[in-house]
Amino acid sequence: MDIHELKSKFIRSRDYSTDDVNALMDFAKKAYIHNEINIKEYRLLVRELESHGAVIPEIEKENSLIENSN
């Protein structure tokens, strides 16, 4: 799945379109959690969305087991 397919899935699911990369990142995360996409697809989507300016909210970074595993 690429970002264009993610946008199409978002439109079908939400009945509106968005170019907000953070909203698409949240949507990709939800799709991964619900096993609609696999980890490889999720990581590729996150990388692509981050390259377009998406960011993880600070509160999620503070609670992240990955970021705080040291």
N, C-alpha and C. Protein backbone atom coordinates (compact mmCIF):
# COMPACT_ATOMS: atom_id res chain seq x y z
N MET A 1 0.85 -1.18 0.00
CA MET A 1 0.00 0.00 0.00
C MET A 1 0.89 1.23 0.00
N ASP A 2 0.53 2.20 -0.83
CA ASP A 2 1.26 3.46 -0.83
C ASP A 2 0.34 4.57 -0.32
N ILE A 3 0.85 5.79 -0.29
CA ILE A 3 0.11 6.91 0.27
C ILE A 3 -1.18 7.20 -0.51
N HIS A 4 -1.16 6.96 -1.82
CA HIS A 4 -2.36 7.19 -2.63
C HIS A 4 -3.45 6.17 -2.29
N GLU A 5 -3.06 4.94 -2.08
CA GLU A 5 -4.02 3.91 -1.68
C GLU A 5 -4.56 4.21 -0.28
N LEU A 6 -3.69 4.70 0.60
CA LEU A 6 -4.11 5.06 1.94
C LEU A 6 -5.15 6.18 1.88
N LYS A 7 -4.90 7.19 1.05
CA LYS A 7 -5.86 8.29 0.89
C LYS A 7 -7.20 7.78 0.37
N SER A 8 -7.18 6.87 -0.59
CA SER A 8 -8.41 6.30 -1.13
C SER A 8 -9.18 5.55 -0.05
N LYS A 9 -8.46 4.77 0.74
CA LYS A 9 -9.08 4.02 1.83
C LYS A 9 -9.66 4.99 2.86
N PHE A 10 -8.94 6.07 3.13
CA PHE A 10 -9.40 7.09 4.07
C PHE A 10 -10.71 7.70 3.56
N ILE A 11 -10.76 8.05 2.29
CA ILE A 11 -11.96 8.66 1.70
C ILE A 11 -13.15 7.70 1.79
N ARG A 12 -12.94 6.44 1.46
CA ARG A 12 -14.03 5.45 1.53
C ARG A 12 -14.51 5.28 2.97
N SER A 13 -13.60 5.32 3.92
CA SER A 13 -13.94 5.10 5.31
C SER A 13 -14.62 6.31 5.96
N ARG A 14 -14.12 7.50 5.63
CA ARG A 14 -14.56 8.72 6.31
C ARG A 14 -15.53 9.58 5.51
N ASP A 15 -15.72 9.27 4.25
CA ASP A 15 -16.61 10.05 3.37
C ASP A 15 -16.15 11.50 3.16
N TYR A 16 -14.87 11.76 3.31
CA TYR A 16 -14.28 13.05 2.94
C TYR A 16 -12.80 12.84 2.67
N SER A 17 -12.22 13.81 1.97
CA SER A 17 -10.81 13.72 1.59
C SER A 17 -9.97 14.62 2.50
N THR A 18 -8.71 14.25 2.67
CA THR A 18 -7.80 15.09 3.43
C THR A 18 -6.40 15.01 2.83
N ASP A 19 -5.69 16.11 2.96
CA ASP A 19 -4.28 16.13 2.60
C ASP A 19 -3.42 16.30 3.85
N ASP A 20 -4.06 16.26 5.03
CA ASP A 20 -3.37 16.38 6.30
C ASP A 20 -2.58 15.09 6.57
N VAL A 21 -1.26 15.19 6.48
CA VAL A 21 -0.43 14.00 6.63
C VAL A 21 -0.52 13.41 8.04
N ASN A 22 -0.79 14.24 9.04
CA ASN A 22 -0.94 13.72 10.40
C ASN A 22 -2.22 12.90 10.54
N ALA A 23 -3.30 13.34 9.89
CA ALA A 23 -4.54 12.56 9.90
C ALA A 23 -4.34 11.23 9.19
N LEU A 24 -3.59 11.25 8.10
CA LEU A 24 -3.30 10.02 7.37
C LEU A 24 -2.41 9.10 8.19
N MET A 25 -1.49 9.67 8.96
CA MET A 25 -0.63 8.86 9.84
C MET A 25 -1.49 8.19 10.90
N ASP A 26 -2.42 8.92 11.49
CA ASP A 26 -3.32 8.32 12.48
C ASP A 26 -4.15 7.20 11.85
N PHE A 27 -4.60 7.43 10.64
CA PHE A 27 -5.42 6.44 9.93
C PHE A 27 -4.59 5.18 9.64
N ALA A 28 -3.34 5.36 9.25
CA ALA A 28 -2.45 4.22 9.00
C ALA A 28 -2.22 3.43 10.29
N LYS A 29 -2.03 4.15 11.38
CA LYS A 29 -1.82 3.49 12.68
C LYS A 29 -3.05 2.66 13.05
N LYS A 30 -4.23 3.23 12.85
CA LYS A 30 -5.48 2.51 13.14
C LYS A 30 -5.59 1.27 12.25
N ALA A 31 -5.25 1.41 10.97
CA ALA A 31 -5.31 0.27 10.04
C ALA A 31 -4.35 -0.84 10.49
N TYR A 32 -3.18 -0.46 10.96
CA TYR A 32 -2.22 -1.45 11.45
C TYR A 32 -2.75 -2.15 12.71
N ILE A 33 -3.25 -1.37 13.64
CA ILE A 33 -3.77 -1.94 14.90
C ILE A 33 -4.91 -2.92 14.63
N HIS A 34 -5.72 -2.61 13.62
CA HIS A 34 -6.86 -3.48 13.29
C HIS A 34 -6.51 -4.56 12.26
N ASN A 35 -5.20 -4.77 12.06
CA ASN A 35 -4.70 -5.80 11.14
C ASN A 35 -5.20 -5.65 9.71
N GLU A 36 -5.42 -4.42 9.28
CA GLU A 36 -5.82 -4.16 7.90
C GLU A 36 -4.60 -4.00 7.00
N ILE A 37 -3.45 -3.67 7.62
CA ILE A 37 -2.17 -3.62 6.91
C ILE A 37 -1.13 -4.29 7.79
N ASN A 38 -0.07 -4.79 7.18
CA ASN A 38 0.97 -5.46 7.97
C ASN A 38 2.05 -4.46 8.39
N ILE A 39 2.99 -4.92 9.19
CA ILE A 39 4.02 -4.04 9.74
C ILE A 39 4.89 -3.44 8.65
N LYS A 40 5.17 -4.19 7.61
CA LYS A 40 6.00 -3.68 6.52
C LYS A 40 5.29 -2.51 5.82
N GLU A 41 4.01 -2.69 5.52
CA GLU A 41 3.24 -1.61 4.88
C GLU A 41 3.16 -0.40 5.80
N TYR A 42 2.93 -0.65 7.09
CA TYR A 42 2.84 0.44 8.06
C TYR A 42 4.13 1.25 8.12
N ARG A 43 5.26 0.57 8.21
CA ARG A 43 6.55 1.27 8.28
C ARG A 43 6.82 2.08 7.01
N LEU A 44 6.50 1.51 5.86
CA LEU A 44 6.69 2.25 4.61
C LEU A 44 5.80 3.49 4.56
N LEU A 45 4.55 3.34 4.99
CA LEU A 45 3.64 4.48 5.01
C LEU A 45 4.13 5.56 5.98
N VAL A 46 4.58 5.16 7.15
CA VAL A 46 5.08 6.12 8.13
C VAL A 46 6.28 6.88 7.57
N ARG A 47 7.20 6.18 6.96
CA ARG A 47 8.37 6.84 6.36
C ARG A 47 7.95 7.85 5.30
N GLU A 48 7.03 7.42 4.43
CA GLU A 48 6.58 8.31 3.36
C GLU A 48 5.84 9.52 3.94
N LEU A 49 4.98 9.30 4.91
CA LEU A 49 4.24 10.41 5.52
C LEU A 49 5.18 11.35 6.26
N GLU A 50 6.16 10.80 6.96
CA GLU A 50 7.14 11.65 7.65
C GLU A 50 7.94 12.48 6.65
N SER A 51 8.24 11.92 5.49
CA SER A 51 8.98 12.68 4.48
C SER A 51 8.14 13.84 3.93
N HIS A 52 6.82 13.74 4.12
CA HIS A 52 5.91 14.82 3.69
C HIS A 52 5.56 15.75 4.85
N GLY A 53 6.20 15.54 6.02
CA GLY A 53 6.02 16.45 7.14
C GLY A 53 5.19 15.94 8.31
N ALA A 54 4.72 14.72 8.26
CA ALA A 54 3.94 14.18 9.38
C ALA A 54 4.84 14.04 10.60
N VAL A 55 4.26 14.29 11.77
CA VAL A 55 4.99 14.15 13.03
C VAL A 55 4.15 13.37 14.02
N ILE A 56 4.83 12.68 14.92
CA ILE A 56 4.16 11.98 16.00
C ILE A 56 3.95 12.99 17.12
N PRO A 57 2.73 13.10 17.66
CA PRO A 57 2.49 14.06 18.74
C PRO A 57 3.42 13.81 19.93
N GLU A 58 3.82 14.87 20.61
CA GLU A 58 4.76 14.78 21.72
C GLU A 58 4.26 13.85 22.82
N ILE A 59 2.97 13.84 23.10
CA ILE A 59 2.43 12.99 24.16
C ILE A 59 2.67 11.52 23.83
N GLU A 60 2.56 11.15 22.56
CA GLU A 60 2.83 9.76 22.18
C GLU A 60 4.30 9.44 22.33
N LYS A 61 5.18 10.39 22.04
CA LYS A 61 6.62 10.16 22.21
C LYS A 61 6.96 9.93 23.67
N GLU A 62 6.31 10.69 24.57
CA GLU A 62 6.57 10.56 26.00
C GLU A 62 6.14 9.20 26.52
N ASN A 63 5.08 8.63 25.94
CA ASN A 63 4.57 7.34 26.39
C ASN A 63 5.08 6.16 25.59
N SER A 64 5.92 6.42 24.61
CA SER A 64 6.39 5.37 23.71
C SER A 64 7.35 4.41 24.40
N LEU A 65 7.10 3.14 24.23
CA LEU A 65 8.01 2.13 24.78
C LEU A 65 9.28 2.06 23.94
N ILE A 66 9.17 2.42 22.67
CA ILE A 66 10.34 2.39 21.78
C ILE A 66 11.27 3.55 22.10
N GLU A 67 10.71 4.74 22.17
CA GLU A 67 11.53 5.94 22.40
C GLU A 67 12.17 5.94 23.79
N ASN A 68 11.52 5.31 24.76
CA ASN A 68 11.98 5.38 26.15
C ASN A 68 12.49 4.04 26.66
N SER A 69 13.07 3.24 25.78
CA SER A 69 13.51 1.91 26.18
C SER A 69 14.93 1.86 26.73
N ASN A 70 15.58 3.00 26.86
CA ASN A 70 16.96 3.03 27.36
C ASN A 70 17.01 2.89 28.85
